[in-house]
PDB file of N, CA and C in Angstrom:
ATOM      1  N   MET A   1      -7.459 -39.082  95.337  1.00  0.00           N
ATOM      2  CA  MET A   1      -6.368 -39.995  95.129  1.00  0.00           C
ATOM      3  C   MET A   1      -6.405 -41.081  96.227  1.00  0.00           C
ATOM      4  N   THR A   2      -6.162 -42.316  95.838  1.00  0.00           N
ATOM      5  CA  THR A   2      -6.134 -43.386  96.821  1.00  0.00           C
ATOM      6  C   THR A   2      -4.755 -43.565  97.395  1.00  0.00           C
ATOM      7  N   ARG A   3      -4.711 -44.038  98.618  1.00  0.00           N
ATOM      8  CA  ARG A   3      -3.422 -44.207  99.308  1.00  0.00           C
ATOM      9  C   ARG A   3      -3.415 -45.521 100.031  1.00  0.00           C
ATOM     10  N   ASP A   4      -2.223 -46.087 100.191  1.00  0.00           N
ATOM     11  CA  ASP A   4      -2.044 -47.296 100.996  1.00  0.00           C
ATOM     12  C   ASP A   4      -1.754 -46.892 102.427  1.00  0.00           C
ATOM     13  N   ARG A   5      -1.909 -47.869 103.322  1.00  0.00           N
ATOM     14  CA  ARG A   5      -1.598 -47.619 104.735  1.00  0.00           C
ATOM     15  C   ARG A   5      -0.112 -47.269 104.919  1.00  0.00           C
ATOM     16  N   LYS A   6       0.726 -47.807 104.058  1.00  0.00           N
ATOM     17  CA  LYS A   6       2.170 -47.603 104.205  1.00  0.00           C
ATOM     18  C   LYS A   6       2.636 -46.235 103.710  1.00  0.00           C
ATOM     19  N   ASP A   7       1.791 -45.550 102.963  1.00  0.00           N
ATOM     20  CA  ASP A   7       2.163 -44.234 102.460  1.00  0.00           C
ATOM     21  C   ASP A   7       2.255 -43.233 103.624  1.00  0.00           C
ATOM     22  N   PRO A   8       3.291 -42.401 103.628  1.00  0.00           N
ATOM     23  CA  PRO A   8       3.389 -41.405 104.686  1.00  0.00           C
ATOM     24  C   PRO A   8       2.270 -40.380 104.556  1.00  0.00           C
ATOM     25  N   PRO A   9       1.832 -39.797 105.675  1.00  0.00           N
ATOM     26  CA  PRO A   9       0.755 -38.817 105.585  1.00  0.00           C
ATOM     27  C   PRO A   9       1.238 -37.526 104.913  1.00  0.00           C
ATOM     28  N   GLU A  10       0.302 -36.853 104.286  1.00  0.00           N
ATOM     29  CA  GLU A  10       0.602 -35.549 103.702  1.00  0.00           C
ATOM     30  C   GLU A  10       0.942 -34.592 104.853  1.00  0.00           C
ATOM     31  N   PRO A  11       1.762 -33.581 104.609  1.00  0.00           N
ATOM     32  CA  PRO A  11       2.118 -32.633 105.676  1.00  0.00           C
ATOM     33  C   PRO A  11       0.887 -31.948 106.300  1.00  0.00           C
ATOM     34  N   THR A  12      -0.142 -31.736 105.496  1.00  0.00           N
ATOM     35  CA  THR A  12      -1.342 -31.056 106.012  1.00  0.00           C
ATOM     36  C   THR A  12      -2.360 -32.040 106.572  1.00  0.00           C
ATOM     37  N   GLU A  13      -2.120 -33.333 106.416  1.00  0.00           N
ATOM     38  CA  GLU A  13      -3.069 -34.341 106.851  1.00  0.00           C
ATOM     39  C   GLU A  13      -2.903 -34.635 108.349  1.00  0.00           C
ATOM     40  N   ALA A  14      -3.978 -34.592 109.066  1.00  0.00           N
ATOM     41  CA  ALA A  14      -3.935 -34.874 110.495  1.00  0.00           C
ATOM     42  C   ALA A  14      -3.862 -36.387 110.701  1.00  0.00           C
ATOM     43  N   ARG A  15      -3.059 -36.788 111.655  1.00  0.00           N
ATOM     44  CA  ARG A  15      -2.978 -38.206 111.967  1.00  0.00           C
ATOM     45  C   ARG A  15      -4.206 -38.575 112.798  1.00  0.00           C
ATOM     46  N   GLY A  16      -4.759 -39.736 112.484  1.00  0.00           N
ATOM     47  CA  GLY A  16      -5.944 -40.207 113.205  1.00  0.00           C
ATOM     48  C   GLY A  16      -5.571 -40.805 114.557  1.00  0.00           C
ATOM     49  N   ILE A  17      -6.555 -41.388 115.174  1.00  0.00           N
ATOM     50  CA  ILE A  17      -6.292 -42.052 116.446  1.00  0.00           C
ATOM     51  C   ILE A  17      -5.506 -43.332 116.192  1.00  0.00           C
ATOM     52  N   PRO A  18      -4.662 -43.736 117.104  1.00  0.00           N
ATOM     53  CA  PRO A  18      -3.877 -44.959 116.906  1.00  0.00           C
ATOM     54  C   PRO A  18      -4.780 -46.196 116.790  1.00  0.00           C
ATOM     55  N   GLU A  19      -4.345 -47.147 116.023  1.00  0.00           N
ATOM     56  CA  GLU A  19      -5.106 -48.378 115.821  1.00  0.00           C
ATOM     57  C   GLU A  19      -4.983 -49.259 117.067  1.00  0.00           C
ATOM     58  N   PRO A  20      -6.111 -49.715 117.630  1.00  0.00           N
ATOM     59  CA  PRO A  20      -6.036 -50.595 118.812  1.00  0.00           C
ATOM     60  C   PRO A  20      -5.324 -51.902 118.473  1.00  0.00           C
ATOM     61  N   ALA A  21      -4.685 -52.495 119.462  1.00  0.00           N
ATOM     62  CA  ALA A  21      -3.894 -53.715 119.255  1.00  0.00           C
ATOM     63  C   ALA A  21      -4.730 -54.853 118.693  1.00  0.00           C
ATOM     64  N   HIS A  22      -5.950 -55.042 119.213  1.00  0.00           N
ATOM     65  CA  HIS A  22      -6.778 -56.167 118.718  1.00  0.00           C
ATOM     66  C   HIS A  22      -7.223 -55.960 117.275  1.00  0.00           C
ATOM     67  N   VAL A  23      -7.442 -54.714 116.879  1.00  0.00           N
ATOM     68  CA  VAL A  23      -7.819 -54.417 115.503  1.00  0.00           C
ATOM     69  C   VAL A  23      -6.622 -54.665 114.575  1.00  0.00           C
ATOM     70  N   ARG A  24      -5.448 -54.277 115.027  1.00  0.00           N
ATOM     71  CA  ARG A  24      -4.233 -54.511 114.250  1.00  0.00           C
ATOM     72  C   ARG A  24      -3.999 -56.014 114.057  1.00  0.00           C
ATOM     73  N   GLU A  25      -4.166 -56.802 115.117  1.00  0.00           N
ATOM     74  CA  GLU A  25      -3.982 -58.246 115.035  1.00  0.00           C
ATOM     75  C   GLU A  25      -4.964 -58.873 114.046  1.00  0.00           C
ATOM     76  N   GLN A  26      -6.222 -58.432 114.090  1.00  0.00           N
ATOM     77  CA  GLN A  26      -7.225 -58.936 113.149  1.00  0.00           C
ATOM     78  C   GLN A  26      -6.863 -58.571 111.717  1.00  0.00           C
ATOM     79  N   ARG A  27      -6.421 -57.348 111.502  1.00  0.00           N
ATOM     80  CA  ARG A  27      -6.050 -56.895 110.163  1.00  0.00           C
ATOM     81  C   ARG A  27      -4.856 -57.680 109.638  1.00  0.00           C
ATOM     82  N   LYS A  28      -3.836 -57.876 110.500  1.00  0.00           N
ATOM     83  CA  LYS A  28      -2.643 -58.618 110.085  1.00  0.00           C
ATOM     84  C   LYS A  28      -2.985 -60.083 109.785  1.00  0.00           C
ATOM     85  N   GLU A  29      -3.880 -60.693 110.564  1.00  0.00           N
ATOM     86  CA  GLU A  29      -4.303 -62.070 110.315  1.00  0.00           C
ATOM     87  C   GLU A  29      -5.029 -62.168 108.990  1.00  0.00           C
ATOM     88  N   HIS A  30      -5.896 -61.201 108.708  1.00  0.00           N
ATOM     89  CA  HIS A  30      -6.640 -61.193 107.436  1.00  0.00           C
ATOM     90  C   HIS A  30      -5.666 -61.038 106.263  1.00  0.00           C
ATOM     91  N   GLU A  31      -4.692 -60.153 106.399  1.00  0.00           N
ATOM     92  CA  GLU A  31      -3.688 -59.974 105.347  1.00  0.00           C
ATOM     93  C   GLU A  31      -2.891 -61.261 105.121  1.00  0.00           C
ATOM     94  N   SER A  32      -2.542 -61.920 106.200  1.00  0.00           N
ATOM     95  CA  SER A  32      -1.781 -63.164 106.110  1.00  0.00           C
ATOM     96  C   SER A  32      -2.612 -64.261 105.405  1.00  0.00           C
ATOM     97  N   GLN A  33      -3.911 -64.358 105.743  1.00  0.00           N
ATOM     98  CA  GLN A  33      -4.774 -65.337 105.090  1.00  0.00           C
ATOM     99  C   GLN A  33      -4.890 -65.034 103.593  1.00  0.00           C
ATOM    100  N   ASN A  34      -5.041 -63.777 103.248  1.00  0.00           N
ATOM    101  CA  ASN A  34      -5.123 -63.397 101.841  1.00  0.00           C
ATOM    102  C   ASN A  34      -3.846 -63.767 101.095  1.00  0.00           C
ATOM    103  N   GLN A  35      -2.704 -63.519 101.707  1.00  0.00           N
ATOM    104  CA  GLN A  35      -1.432 -63.842 101.087  1.00  0.00           C
ATOM    105  C   GLN A  35      -1.269 -65.357 100.907  1.00  0.00           C
ATOM    106  N   ASP A  36      -1.656 -66.130 101.925  1.00  0.00           N
ATOM    107  CA  ASP A  36      -1.579 -67.583 101.816  1.00  0.00           C
ATOM    108  C   ASP A  36      -2.474 -68.104 100.714  1.00  0.00           C
ATOM    109  N   GLU A  37      -3.680 -67.565 100.608  1.00  0.00           N
ATOM    110  CA  GLU A  37      -4.610 -67.989  99.550  1.00  0.00           C
ATOM    111  C   GLU A  37      -4.048 -67.649  98.165  1.00  0.00           C
ATOM    112  N   ALA A  38      -3.479 -66.466  98.021  1.00  0.00           N
ATOM    113  CA  ALA A  38      -2.909 -66.083  96.737  1.00  0.00           C
ATOM    114  C   ALA A  38      -1.752 -66.991  96.349  1.00  0.00           C
ATOM    115  N   LEU A  39      -0.940 -67.365  97.334  1.00  0.00           N
ATOM    116  CA  LEU A  39       0.172 -68.262  97.051  1.00  0.00           C
ATOM    117  C   LEU A  39      -0.324 -69.629  96.593  1.00  0.00           C
ATOM    118  N   GLU A  40      -1.364 -70.149  97.264  1.00  0.00           N
ATOM    119  CA  GLU A  40      -1.926 -71.451  96.879  1.00  0.00           C
ATOM    120  C   GLU A  40      -2.499 -71.406  95.471  1.00  0.00           C
ATOM    121  N   GLU A  41      -3.065 -70.295  95.090  1.00  0.00           N
ATOM    122  CA  GLU A  41      -3.676 -70.176  93.748  1.00  0.00           C
ATOM    123  C   GLU A  41      -2.624 -70.069  92.653  1.00  0.00           C
ATOM    124  N   THR A  42      -1.422 -69.656  92.991  1.00  0.00           N
ATOM    125  CA  THR A  42      -0.386 -69.493  91.962  1.00  0.00           C
ATOM    126  C   THR A  42       0.615 -70.648  91.953  1.00  0.00           C
ATOM    127  N   PHE A  43       0.413 -71.655  92.788  1.00  0.00           N
ATOM    128  CA  PHE A  43       1.348 -72.775  92.854  1.00  0.00           C
ATOM    129  C   PHE A  43       0.743 -73.963  92.156  1.00  0.00           C
ATOM    130  N   PRO A  44       1.428 -74.740  91.385  1.00  0.00           N
ATOM    131  CA  PRO A  44       2.827 -74.593  91.003  1.00  0.00           C
ATOM    132  C   PRO A  44       2.987 -73.480  89.978  1.00  0.00           C
ATOM    133  N   ALA A  45       4.204 -73.125  89.749  1.00  0.00           N
ATOM    134  CA  ALA A  45       4.490 -72.073  88.778  1.00  0.00           C
ATOM    135  C   ALA A  45       3.958 -72.487  87.410  1.00  0.00           C
ATOM    136  N   SER A  46       3.805 -71.546  86.532  1.00  0.00           N
ATOM    137  CA  SER A  46       3.153 -71.802  85.252  1.00  0.00           C
ATOM    138  C   SER A  46       3.876 -72.824  84.382  1.00  0.00           C
ATOM    139  N   ASP A  47       5.193 -72.855  84.407  1.00  0.00           N
ATOM    140  CA  ASP A  47       5.954 -73.779  83.568  1.00  0.00           C
ATOM    141  C   ASP A  47       6.952 -74.552  84.410  1.00  0.00           C
ATOM    142  N   PRO A  48       7.066 -75.857  84.171  1.00  0.00           N
ATOM    143  CA  PRO A  48       8.077 -76.636  84.891  1.00  0.00           C
ATOM    144  C   PRO A  48       9.474 -76.305  84.373  1.00  0.00           C
ATOM    145  N   VAL A  49      10.461 -76.715  85.110  1.00  0.00           N
ATOM    146  CA  VAL A  49      11.849 -76.510  84.716  1.00  0.00           C
ATOM    147  C   VAL A  49      12.127 -77.301  83.445  1.00  0.00           C
ATOM    148  N   SER A  50      12.805 -76.703  82.520  1.00  0.00           N
ATOM    149  CA  SER A  50      13.134 -77.362  81.250  1.00  0.00           C
ATOM    150  C   SER A  50      14.320 -78.294  81.435  1.00  0.00           C
ATOM    151  N   PRO A  51      14.234 -79.548  80.971  1.00  0.00           N
ATOM    152  CA  PRO A  51      15.374 -80.467  81.087  1.00  0.00           C
ATOM    153  C   PRO A  51      16.369 -80.294  79.967  1.00  0.00           C
ATOM    154  N   PHE A  52      16.286 -79.229  79.190  1.00  0.00           N
ATOM    155  CA  PHE A  52      17.167 -78.996  78.034  1.00  0.00           C
ATOM    156  C   PHE A  52      18.614 -78.858  78.506  1.00  0.00           C
ATOM    157  N   ILE A  53      19.509 -79.614  77.845  1.00  0.00           N
ATOM    158  CA  ILE A  53      20.953 -79.519  78.127  1.00  0.00           C
ATOM    159  C   ILE A  53      21.632 -79.128  76.828  1.00  0.00           C
ATOM    160  N   PRO A  54      22.249 -77.948  76.780  1.00  0.00           N
ATOM    161  CA  PRO A  54      22.873 -77.527  75.524  1.00  0.00           C
ATOM    162  C   PRO A  54      24.095 -78.395  75.184  1.00  0.00           C
ATOM    163  N   THR A  55      24.322 -78.604  73.927  1.00  0.00           N
ATOM    164  CA  THR A  55      25.496 -79.365  73.482  1.00  0.00           C
ATOM    165  C   THR A  55      26.540 -78.420  72.965  1.00  0.00           C
ATOM    166  N   LYS A  56      27.717 -78.953  72.689  1.00  0.00           N
ATOM    167  CA  LYS A  56      28.785 -78.115  72.129  1.00  0.00           C
ATOM    168  C   LYS A  56      28.390 -77.656  70.739  1.00  0.00           C
ATOM    169  N   ALA A  57      28.762 -76.454  70.419  1.00  0.00           N
ATOM    170  CA  ALA A  57      28.505 -75.935  69.070  1.00  0.00           C
ATOM    171  C   ALA A  57      29.439 -76.654  68.076  1.00  0.00           C
ATOM    172  N   PRO A  58      28.957 -77.005  66.891  1.00  0.00           N
ATOM    173  CA  PRO A  58      29.839 -77.661  65.933  1.00  0.00           C
ATOM    174  C   PRO A  58      30.973 -76.709  65.504  1.00  0.00           C
ATOM    175  N   ASP A  59      32.135 -77.276  65.317  1.00  0.00           N
ATOM    176  CA  ASP A  59      33.320 -76.480  64.919  1.00  0.00           C
ATOM    177  C   ASP A  59      33.304 -76.180  63.456  1.00  0.00           C
TER     178      ASP A  59
END
């Protein structure tokens, strides 16, 4: 089974050695760059805002 870093460890799973600060900074920078790239690829949104203005229903 695959797991994310944010998933809590299983009760029987041993915790590894702590992540060094410089490795964490590199990982966070890489994640930030990936997120920025994904945002650029999805902008602008797929559809522009519709200028439709509803009128009163006929009586």
